[in-house]
Structure formats: structure tokens, C-alpha cells
Amino acid sequence: MKKVDLVVTGRVQGVFYRYFAKKEANKLNIKGWCRNEKDGSVHIVAGGQEENIDKFIEWAKQGSPLAKVENVEVNENIIENIEGDFEIR
């Protein structure tokens, strides 16, 4: 299992980014969560098969139809245990 921690910046709040992230994660059988941060970013912790995580990261760079993603910071040094369905926090 590959695990990643993503910080997505740009116009990513108020544009259904988290809703579409959950939809994409479910499609790719990815576990984890996403939440809005006070600085306007979206924080995502995700785990799954390497190929699916790579596809999810590529999706995150585009985001929801109304989003304008400026940057996706990817950290693969995750020790958090990731289990259960992908959830919006």
C-alpha cells in the first residue's frame, strides 16, 4: 500500500473539491480523508494501490470542475494508519 499526504492550494474551497475527491477516491478504492484548512487549502491523506494513488494525485492536480488548483504538495512519509472508507472531515 502506498500512502500520501497532499496539500492542495488554489481555489479549492467552496467548489465541491472534497466531494469530488471522495467520489474519485471511491472509484479508485482509496482509503483516507480530506478536510478544509483555515489557510484555504485542502488537506488529503490517502492510501491504496500505488497505481491508484498515482492516478488520484493526477486527479488532485485538476480537482473539481469549478476548482483552480495552483499546487499539490505531495509527502510520501506517512506513518498514519489509513483504514475505512474515504471520508470528508
PDB file of N, CA and C in Angstrom:
ATOM      1  N   MET A   1       0.842  -1.191   0.000  1.00  0.00           N
ATOM      2  CA  MET A   1       0.000   0.000   0.000  1.00  0.00           C
ATOM      3  C   MET A   1       0.883   1.249   0.000  1.00  0.00           C
ATOM      4  N   LYS A   2       0.535   2.170  -0.873  1.00  0.00           N
ATOM      5  CA  LYS A   2       1.218   3.459  -0.934  1.00  0.00           C
ATOM      6  C   LYS A   2       0.362   4.470  -0.179  1.00  0.00           C
ATOM      7  N   LYS A   3       1.001   5.285   0.653  1.00  0.00           N
ATOM      8  CA  LYS A   3       0.289   6.307   1.421  1.00  0.00           C
ATOM      9  C   LYS A   3       0.863   7.674   1.090  1.00  0.00           C
ATOM     10  N   VAL A   4      -0.019   8.648   0.938  1.00  0.00           N
ATOM     11  CA  VAL A   4       0.428  10.008   0.646  1.00  0.00           C
ATOM     12  C   VAL A   4      -0.354  11.017   1.473  1.00  0.00           C
ATOM     13  N   ASP A   5       0.288  12.132   1.716  1.00  0.00           N
ATOM     14  CA  ASP A   5      -0.299  13.288   2.379  1.00  0.00           C
ATOM     15  C   ASP A   5      -0.214  14.421   1.355  1.00  0.00           C
ATOM     16  N   LEU A   6      -1.362  14.981   0.983  1.00  0.00           N
ATOM     17  CA  LEU A   6      -1.409  16.025  -0.033  1.00  0.00           C
ATOM     18  C   LEU A   6      -1.912  17.331   0.572  1.00  0.00           C
ATOM     19  N   VAL A   7      -1.309  18.429   0.171  1.00  0.00           N
ATOM     20  CA  VAL A   7      -1.826  19.754   0.494  1.00  0.00           C
ATOM     21  C   VAL A   7      -2.094  20.441  -0.840  1.00  0.00           C
ATOM     22  N   VAL A   8      -3.364  20.721  -1.086  1.00  0.00           N
ATOM     23  CA  VAL A   8      -3.799  21.286  -2.365  1.00  0.00           C
ATOM     24  C   VAL A   8      -4.145  22.751  -2.158  1.00  0.00           C
ATOM     25  N   THR A   9      -3.509  23.630  -2.955  1.00  0.00           N
ATOM     26  CA  THR A   9      -3.754  25.061  -2.819  1.00  0.00           C
ATOM     27  C   THR A   9      -4.322  25.630  -4.119  1.00  0.00           C
ATOM     28  N   GLY A  10      -4.919  26.795  -3.985  1.00  0.00           N
ATOM     29  CA  GLY A  10      -5.580  27.457  -5.104  1.00  0.00           C
ATOM     30  C   GLY A  10      -7.025  27.719  -4.714  1.00  0.00           C
ATOM     31  N   ARG A  11      -7.903  27.786  -5.711  1.00  0.00           N
ATOM     32  CA  ARG A  11      -9.334  27.931  -5.412  1.00  0.00           C
ATOM     33  C   ARG A  11      -9.892  26.519  -5.252  1.00  0.00           C
ATOM     34  N   VAL A  12      -9.808  26.002  -4.015  1.00  0.00           N
ATOM     35  CA  VAL A  12     -10.194  24.612  -3.754  1.00  0.00           C
ATOM     36  C   VAL A  12     -11.232  24.490  -2.634  1.00  0.00           C
ATOM     37  N   GLN A  13     -11.645  25.593  -2.057  1.00  0.00           N
ATOM     38  CA  GLN A  13     -12.718  25.564  -1.067  1.00  0.00           C
ATOM     39  C   GLN A  13     -13.931  26.266  -1.652  1.00  0.00           C
ATOM     40  N   GLY A  14     -15.116  25.716  -1.364  1.00  0.00           N
ATOM     41  CA  GLY A  14     -16.344  26.286  -1.898  1.00  0.00           C
ATOM     42  C   GLY A  14     -16.610  25.919  -3.347  1.00  0.00           C
ATOM     43  N   VAL A  15     -15.879  24.929  -3.853  1.00  0.00           N
ATOM     44  CA  VAL A  15     -16.038  24.498  -5.257  1.00  0.00           C
ATOM     45  C   VAL A  15     -16.252  22.981  -5.344  1.00  0.00           C
ATOM     46  N   PHE A  16     -16.706  22.383  -4.250  1.00  0.00           N
ATOM     47  CA  PHE A  16     -17.001  20.947  -4.180  1.00  0.00           C
ATOM     48  C   PHE A  16     -15.769  20.065  -4.384  1.00  0.00           C
ATOM     49  N   TYR A  17     -14.589  20.606  -4.068  1.00  0.00           N
ATOM     50  CA  TYR A  17     -13.353  19.838  -4.248  1.00  0.00           C
ATOM     51  C   TYR A  17     -13.380  18.559  -3.416  1.00  0.00           C
ATOM     52  N   ARG A  18     -13.758  18.668  -2.133  1.00  0.00           N
ATOM     53  CA  ARG A  18     -13.755  17.492  -1.257  1.00  0.00           C
ATOM     54  C   ARG A  18     -14.776  16.447  -1.714  1.00  0.00           C
ATOM     55  N   TYR A  19     -15.937  16.898  -2.148  1.00  0.00           N
ATOM     56  CA  TYR A  19     -16.973  15.976  -2.635  1.00  0.00           C
ATOM     57  C   TYR A  19     -16.429  15.157  -3.813  1.00  0.00           C
ATOM     58  N   PHE A  20     -15.813  15.846  -4.776  1.00  0.00           N
ATOM     59  CA  PHE A  20     -15.276  15.151  -5.936  1.00  0.00           C
ATOM     60  C   PHE A  20     -14.049  14.307  -5.586  1.00  0.00           C
ATOM     61  N   ALA A  21     -13.271  14.734  -4.578  1.00  0.00           N
ATOM     62  CA  ALA A  21     -12.131  13.930  -4.126  1.00  0.00           C
ATOM     63  C   ALA A  21     -12.628  12.604  -3.555  1.00  0.00           C
ATOM     64  N   LYS A  22     -13.696  12.655  -2.767  1.00  0.00           N
ATOM     65  CA  LYS A  22     -14.281  11.429  -2.204  1.00  0.00           C
ATOM     66  C   LYS A  22     -14.799  10.522  -3.317  1.00  0.00           C
ATOM     67  N   LYS A  23     -15.473  11.108  -4.292  1.00  0.00           N
ATOM     68  CA  LYS A  23     -16.004  10.345  -5.421  1.00  0.00           C
ATOM     69  C   LYS A  23     -14.873   9.647  -6.186  1.00  0.00           C
ATOM     70  N   GLU A  24     -13.792  10.377  -6.452  1.00  0.00           N
ATOM     71  CA  GLU A  24     -12.636   9.816  -7.169  1.00  0.00           C
ATOM     72  C   GLU A  24     -11.950   8.744  -6.325  1.00  0.00           C
ATOM     73  N   ALA A  25     -11.786   9.001  -5.035  1.00  0.00           N
ATOM     74  CA  ALA A  25     -11.154   8.022  -4.145  1.00  0.00           C
ATOM     75  C   ALA A  25     -11.959   6.728  -4.104  1.00  0.00           C
ATOM     76  N   ASN A  26     -13.269   6.840  -4.019  1.00  0.00           N
ATOM     77  CA  ASN A  26     -14.116   5.640  -4.004  1.00  0.00           C
ATOM     78  C   ASN A  26     -13.983   4.855  -5.303  1.00  0.00           C
ATOM     79  N   LYS A  27     -13.916   5.578  -6.421  1.00  0.00           N
ATOM     80  CA  LYS A  27     -13.760   4.936  -7.732  1.00  0.00           C
ATOM     81  C   LYS A  27     -12.449   4.148  -7.806  1.00  0.00           C
ATOM     82  N   LEU A  28     -11.399   4.686  -7.171  1.00  0.00           N
ATOM     83  CA  LEU A  28     -10.065   4.078  -7.226  1.00  0.00           C
ATOM     84  C   LEU A  28      -9.771   3.171  -6.025  1.00  0.00           C
ATOM     85  N   ASN A  29     -10.785   2.941  -5.176  1.00  0.00           N
ATOM     86  CA  ASN A  29     -10.629   2.105  -3.981  1.00  0.00           C
ATOM     87  C   ASN A  29      -9.530   2.630  -3.055  1.00  0.00           C
ATOM     88  N   ILE A  30      -9.562   3.931  -2.803  1.00  0.00           N
ATOM     89  CA  ILE A  30      -8.588   4.593  -1.940  1.00  0.00           C
ATOM     90  C   ILE A  30      -9.233   4.890  -0.594  1.00  0.00           C
ATOM     91  N   LYS A  31      -8.493   4.623   0.459  1.00  0.00           N
ATOM     92  CA  LYS A  31      -8.934   4.904   1.823  1.00  0.00           C
ATOM     93  C   LYS A  31      -8.335   6.230   2.264  1.00  0.00           C
ATOM     94  N   GLY A  32      -8.913   6.846   3.309  1.00  0.00           N
ATOM     95  CA  GLY A  32      -8.329   8.060   3.854  1.00  0.00           C
ATOM     96  C   GLY A  32      -9.362   9.127   4.134  1.00  0.00           C
ATOM     97  N   TRP A  33      -8.937  10.383   4.047  1.00  0.00           N
ATOM     98  CA  TRP A  33      -9.814  11.504   4.361  1.00  0.00           C
ATOM     99  C   TRP A  33      -9.326  12.802   3.721  1.00  0.00           C
ATOM    100  N   CYS A  34     -10.216  13.793   3.696  1.00  0.00           N
ATOM    101  CA  CYS A  34      -9.850  15.134   3.242  1.00  0.00           C
ATOM    102  C   CYS A  34     -10.577  16.150   4.113  1.00  0.00           C
ATOM    103  N   ARG A  35      -9.973  17.322   4.263  1.00  0.00           N
ATOM    104  CA  ARG A  35     -10.602  18.388   5.045  1.00  0.00           C
ATOM    105  C   ARG A  35     -10.108  19.748   4.568  1.00  0.00           C
ATOM    106  N   ASN A  36     -10.956  20.753   4.771  1.00  0.00           N
ATOM    107  CA  ASN A  36     -10.560  22.132   4.503  1.00  0.00           C
ATOM    108  C   ASN A  36      -9.669  22.613   5.636  1.00  0.00           C
ATOM    109  N   GLU A  37      -8.686  23.427   5.296  1.00  0.00           N
ATOM    110  CA  GLU A  37      -7.812  24.037   6.297  1.00  0.00           C
ATOM    111  C   GLU A  37      -8.099  25.532   6.376  1.00  0.00           C
ATOM    112  N   LYS A  38      -7.742  26.134   7.492  1.00  0.00           N
ATOM    113  CA  LYS A  38      -8.015  27.561   7.711  1.00  0.00           C
ATOM    114  C   LYS A  38      -7.309  28.466   6.703  1.00  0.00           C
ATOM    115  N   ASP A  39      -6.192  27.990   6.141  1.00  0.00           N
ATOM    116  CA  ASP A  39      -5.435  28.810   5.180  1.00  0.00           C
ATOM    117  C   ASP A  39      -6.012  28.756   3.766  1.00  0.00           C
ATOM    118  N   GLY A  40      -7.142  28.037   3.578  1.00  0.00           N
ATOM    119  CA  GLY A  40      -7.775  27.957   2.265  1.00  0.00           C
ATOM    120  C   GLY A  40      -7.389  26.735   1.456  1.00  0.00           C
ATOM    121  N   SER A  41      -6.485  25.928   1.982  1.00  0.00           N
ATOM    122  CA  SER A  41      -6.060  24.718   1.277  1.00  0.00           C
ATOM    123  C   SER A  41      -6.975  23.548   1.632  1.00  0.00           C
ATOM    124  N   VAL A  42      -6.790  22.438   0.909  1.00  0.00           N
ATOM    125  CA  VAL A  42      -7.440  21.179   1.248  1.00  0.00           C
ATOM    126  C   VAL A  42      -6.336  20.177   1.572  1.00  0.00           C
ATOM    127  N   HIS A  43      -6.481  19.506   2.716  1.00  0.00           N
ATOM    128  CA  HIS A  43      -5.510  18.515   3.172  1.00  0.00           C
ATOM    129  C   HIS A  43      -6.108  17.137   2.921  1.00  0.00           C
ATOM    130  N   ILE A  44      -5.331  16.253   2.294  1.00  0.00           N
ATOM    131  CA  ILE A  44      -5.793  14.905   1.975  1.00  0.00           C
ATOM    132  C   ILE A  44      -4.762  13.893   2.468  1.00  0.00           C
ATOM    133  N   VAL A  45      -5.230  12.860   3.144  1.00  0.00           N
ATOM    134  CA  VAL A  45      -4.400  11.708   3.484  1.00  0.00           C
ATOM    135  C   VAL A  45      -5.048  10.515   2.803  1.00  0.00           C
ATOM    136  N   ALA A  46      -4.270   9.811   1.983  1.00  0.00           N
ATOM    137  CA  ALA A  46      -4.844   8.738   1.169  1.00  0.00           C
ATOM    138  C   ALA A  46      -3.910   7.534   1.117  1.00  0.00           C
ATOM    139  N   GLY A  47      -4.519   6.357   1.046  1.00  0.00           N
ATOM    140  CA  GLY A  47      -3.753   5.126   0.931  1.00  0.00           C
ATOM    141  C   GLY A  47      -4.449   4.156  -0.001  1.00  0.00           C
ATOM    142  N   GLY A  48      -3.643   3.430  -0.776  1.00  0.00           N
ATOM    143  CA  GLY A  48      -4.202   2.451  -1.707  1.00  0.00           C
ATOM    144  C   GLY A  48      -3.094   1.861  -2.558  1.00  0.00           C
ATOM    145  N   GLN A  49      -3.499   1.134  -3.598  1.00  0.00           N
ATOM    146  CA  GLN A  49      -2.516   0.563  -4.510  1.00  0.00           C
ATOM    147  C   GLN A  49      -1.755   1.698  -5.190  1.00  0.00           C
ATOM    148  N   GLU A  50      -0.462   1.491  -5.400  1.00  0.00           N
ATOM    149  CA  GLU A  50       0.400   2.544  -5.946  1.00  0.00           C
ATOM    150  C   GLU A  50      -0.157   3.150  -7.230  1.00  0.00           C
ATOM    151  N   GLU A  51      -0.602   2.311  -8.148  1.00  0.00           N
ATOM    152  CA  GLU A  51      -1.126   2.793  -9.432  1.00  0.00           C
ATOM    153  C   GLU A  51      -2.347   3.708  -9.206  1.00  0.00           C
ATOM    154  N   ASN A  52      -3.219   3.328  -8.270  1.00  0.00           N
ATOM    155  CA  ASN A  52      -4.409   4.128  -7.997  1.00  0.00           C
ATOM    156  C   ASN A  52      -4.074   5.432  -7.281  1.00  0.00           C
ATOM    157  N   ILE A  53      -3.106   5.389  -6.385  1.00  0.00           N
ATOM    158  CA  ILE A  53      -2.680   6.625  -5.713  1.00  0.00           C
ATOM    159  C   ILE A  53      -2.083   7.587  -6.741  1.00  0.00           C
ATOM    160  N   ASP A  54      -1.293   7.072  -7.659  1.00  0.00           N
ATOM    161  CA  ASP A  54      -0.714   7.930  -8.704  1.00  0.00           C
ATOM    162  C   ASP A  54      -1.813   8.575  -9.548  1.00  0.00           C
ATOM    163  N   LYS A  55      -2.861   7.806  -9.881  1.00  0.00           N
ATOM    164  CA  LYS A  55      -3.996   8.361 -10.635  1.00  0.00           C
ATOM    165  C   LYS A  55      -4.718   9.426  -9.809  1.00  0.00           C
ATOM    166  N   PHE A  56      -4.851   9.180  -8.508  1.00  0.00           N
ATOM    167  CA  PHE A  56      -5.529  10.133  -7.619  1.00  0.00           C
ATOM    168  C   PHE A  56      -4.746  11.444  -7.529  1.00  0.00           C
ATOM    169  N   ILE A  57      -3.435  11.355  -7.458  1.00  0.00           N
ATOM    170  CA  ILE A  57      -2.600  12.567  -7.414  1.00  0.00           C
ATOM    171  C   ILE A  57      -2.785  13.362  -8.701  1.00  0.00           C
ATOM    172  N   GLU A  58      -2.822  12.678  -9.837  1.00  0.00           N
ATOM    173  CA  GLU A  58      -3.050  13.377 -11.113  1.00  0.00           C
ATOM    174  C   GLU A  58      -4.422  14.045 -11.118  1.00  0.00           C
ATOM    175  N   TRP A  59      -5.430  13.343 -10.574  1.00  0.00           N
ATOM    176  CA  TRP A  59      -6.760  13.959 -10.466  1.00  0.00           C
ATOM    177  C   TRP A  59      -6.691  15.206  -9.586  1.00  0.00           C
ATOM    178  N   ALA A  60      -5.991  15.114  -8.456  1.00  0.00           N
ATOM    179  CA  ALA A  60      -5.912  16.218  -7.486  1.00  0.00           C
ATOM    180  C   ALA A  60      -5.342  17.485  -8.120  1.00  0.00           C
ATOM    181  N   LYS A  61      -4.496  17.337  -9.115  1.00  0.00           N
ATOM    182  CA  LYS A  61      -3.904  18.496  -9.792  1.00  0.00           C
ATOM    183  C   LYS A  61      -4.920  19.253 -10.630  1.00  0.00           C
ATOM    184  N   GLN A  62      -6.022  18.594 -11.004  1.00  0.00           N
ATOM    185  CA  GLN A  62      -7.111  19.241 -11.745  1.00  0.00           C
ATOM    186  C   GLN A  62      -8.259  19.584 -10.808  1.00  0.00           C
ATOM    187  N   GLY A  63      -8.652  18.611  -9.982  1.00  0.00           N
ATOM    188  CA  GLY A  63      -9.705  18.822  -8.997  1.00  0.00           C
ATOM    189  C   GLY A  63     -11.094  18.835  -9.588  1.00  0.00           C
ATOM    190  N   SER A  64     -12.001  19.442  -8.848  1.00  0.00           N
ATOM    191  CA  SER A  64     -13.406  19.508  -9.258  1.00  0.00           C
ATOM    192  C   SER A  64     -13.562  20.479 -10.427  1.00  0.00           C
ATOM    193  N   PRO A  65     -14.710  20.403 -11.124  1.00  0.00           N
ATOM    194  CA  PRO A  65     -14.903  21.266 -12.301  1.00  0.00           C
ATOM    195  C   PRO A  65     -14.734  22.768 -12.028  1.00  0.00           C
ATOM    196  N   LEU A  66     -15.096  23.242 -10.834  1.00  0.00           N
ATOM    197  CA  LEU A  66     -15.005  24.673 -10.530  1.00  0.00           C
ATOM    198  C   LEU A  66     -13.683  25.072  -9.861  1.00  0.00           C
ATOM    199  N   ALA A  67     -12.859  24.097  -9.517  1.00  0.00           N
ATOM    200  CA  ALA A  67     -11.597  24.384  -8.820  1.00  0.00           C
ATOM    201  C   ALA A  67     -10.560  24.985  -9.768  1.00  0.00           C
ATOM    202  N   LYS A  68      -9.634  25.735  -9.172  1.00  0.00           N
ATOM    203  CA  LYS A  68      -8.457  26.234  -9.891  1.00  0.00           C
ATOM    204  C   LYS A  68      -7.255  25.889  -9.024  1.00  0.00           C
ATOM    205  N   VAL A  69      -6.719  24.692  -9.243  1.00  0.00           N
ATOM    206  CA  VAL A  69      -5.611  24.190  -8.435  1.00  0.00           C
ATOM    207  C   VAL A  69      -4.326  24.885  -8.848  1.00  0.00           C
ATOM    208  N   GLU A  70      -3.632  25.450  -7.874  1.00  0.00           N
ATOM    209  CA  GLU A  70      -2.341  26.092  -8.135  1.00  0.00           C
ATOM    210  C   GLU A  70      -1.176  25.154  -7.849  1.00  0.00           C
ATOM    211  N   ASN A  71      -1.313  24.327  -6.782  1.00  0.00           N
ATOM    212  CA  ASN A  71      -0.203  23.454  -6.405  1.00  0.00           C
ATOM    213  C   ASN A  71      -0.720  22.267  -5.602  1.00  0.00           C
ATOM    214  N   VAL A  72      -0.056  21.120  -5.779  1.00  0.00           N
ATOM    215  CA  VAL A  72      -0.314  19.941  -4.960  1.00  0.00           C
ATOM    216  C   VAL A  72       1.026  19.510  -4.372  1.00  0.00           C
ATOM    217  N   GLU A  73       1.146  19.680  -3.064  1.00  0.00           N
ATOM    218  CA  GLU A  73       2.362  19.258  -2.354  1.00  0.00           C
ATOM    219  C   GLU A  73       2.162  17.811  -1.925  1.00  0.00           C
ATOM    220  N   VAL A  74       3.083  16.933  -2.323  1.00  0.00           N
ATOM    221  CA  VAL A  74       2.954  15.504  -2.040  1.00  0.00           C
ATOM    222  C   VAL A  74       4.038  15.073  -1.061  1.00  0.00           C
ATOM    223  N   ASN A  75       3.612  14.433   0.042  1.00  0.00           N
ATOM    224  CA  ASN A  75       4.539  13.874   1.017  1.00  0.00           C
ATOM    225  C   ASN A  75       4.233  12.386   1.137  1.00  0.00           C
ATOM    226  N   GLU A  76       5.237  11.539   0.923  1.00  0.00           N
ATOM    227  CA  GLU A  76       5.033  10.096   0.997  1.00  0.00           C
ATOM    228  C   GLU A  76       5.543   9.502   2.300  1.00  0.00           C
ATOM    229  N   ASN A  77       5.986  10.307   3.239  1.00  0.00           N
ATOM    230  CA  ASN A  77       6.491   9.816   4.522  1.00  0.00           C
ATOM    231  C   ASN A  77       5.366   9.791   5.551  1.00  0.00           C
ATOM    232  N   ILE A  78       4.414   8.894   5.345  1.00  0.00           N
ATOM    233  CA  ILE A  78       3.216   8.827   6.169  1.00  0.00           C
ATOM    234  C   ILE A  78       3.305   7.650   7.133  1.00  0.00           C
ATOM    235  N   ILE A  79       3.057   7.903   8.403  1.00  0.00           N
ATOM    236  CA  ILE A  79       3.012   6.817   9.368  1.00  0.00           C
ATOM    237  C   ILE A  79       1.591   6.578   9.880  1.00  0.00           C
ATOM    238  N   GLU A  80       0.686   7.477   9.534  1.00  0.00           N
ATOM    239  CA  GLU A  80      -0.708   7.338   9.964  1.00  0.00           C
ATOM    240  C   GLU A  80      -1.309   6.054   9.403  1.00  0.00           C
ATOM    241  N   ASN A  81      -2.061   5.336  10.253  1.00  0.00           N
ATOM    242  CA  ASN A  81      -2.769   4.150   9.807  1.00  0.00           C
ATOM    243  C   ASN A  81      -4.007   4.592   9.039  1.00  0.00           C
ATOM    244  N   ILE A  82      -4.162   4.135   7.816  1.00  0.00           N
ATOM    245  CA  ILE A  82      -5.276   4.544   6.964  1.00  0.00           C
ATOM    246  C   ILE A  82      -6.188   3.339   6.762  1.00  0.00           C
ATOM    247  N   GLU A  83      -7.430   3.465   7.207  1.00  0.00           N
ATOM    248  CA  GLU A  83      -8.384   2.374   7.043  1.00  0.00           C
ATOM    249  C   GLU A  83      -9.796   2.943   6.936  1.00  0.00           C
ATOM    250  N   GLY A  84     -10.716   2.115   6.518  1.00  0.00           N
ATOM    251  CA  GLY A  84     -12.104   2.554   6.380  1.00  0.00           C
ATOM    252  C   GLY A  84     -12.309   3.317   5.082  1.00  0.00           C
ATOM    253  N   ASP A  85     -13.552   3.679   4.852  1.00  0.00           N
ATOM    254  CA  ASP A  85     -13.894   4.417   3.643  1.00  0.00           C
ATOM    255  C   ASP A  85     -13.282   5.812   3.639  1.00  0.00           C
ATOM    256  N   PHE A  86     -13.086   6.372   2.455  1.00  0.00           N
ATOM    257  CA  PHE A  86     -12.604   7.744   2.315  1.00  0.00           C
ATOM    258  C   PHE A  86     -13.681   8.675   2.841  1.00  0.00           C
ATOM    259  N   GLU A  87     -13.293   9.592   3.707  1.00  0.00           N
ATOM    260  CA  GLU A  87     -14.292  10.473   4.316  1.00  0.00           C
ATOM    261  C   GLU A  87     -13.925  11.946   4.220  1.00  0.00           C
ATOM    262  N   ILE A  88     -14.955  12.748   4.252  1.00  0.00           N
ATOM    263  CA  ILE A  88     -14.788  14.205   4.306  1.00  0.00           C
ATOM    264  C   ILE A  88     -14.862  14.603   5.766  1.00  0.00           C
ATOM    265  N   ARG A  89     -13.843  15.307   6.234  1.00  0.00           N
ATOM    266  CA  ARG A  89     -13.825  15.736   7.638  1.00  0.00           C
ATOM    267  C   ARG A  89     -14.115  17.210   7.755  1.00  0.00           C
TER     268      ARG A  89
END
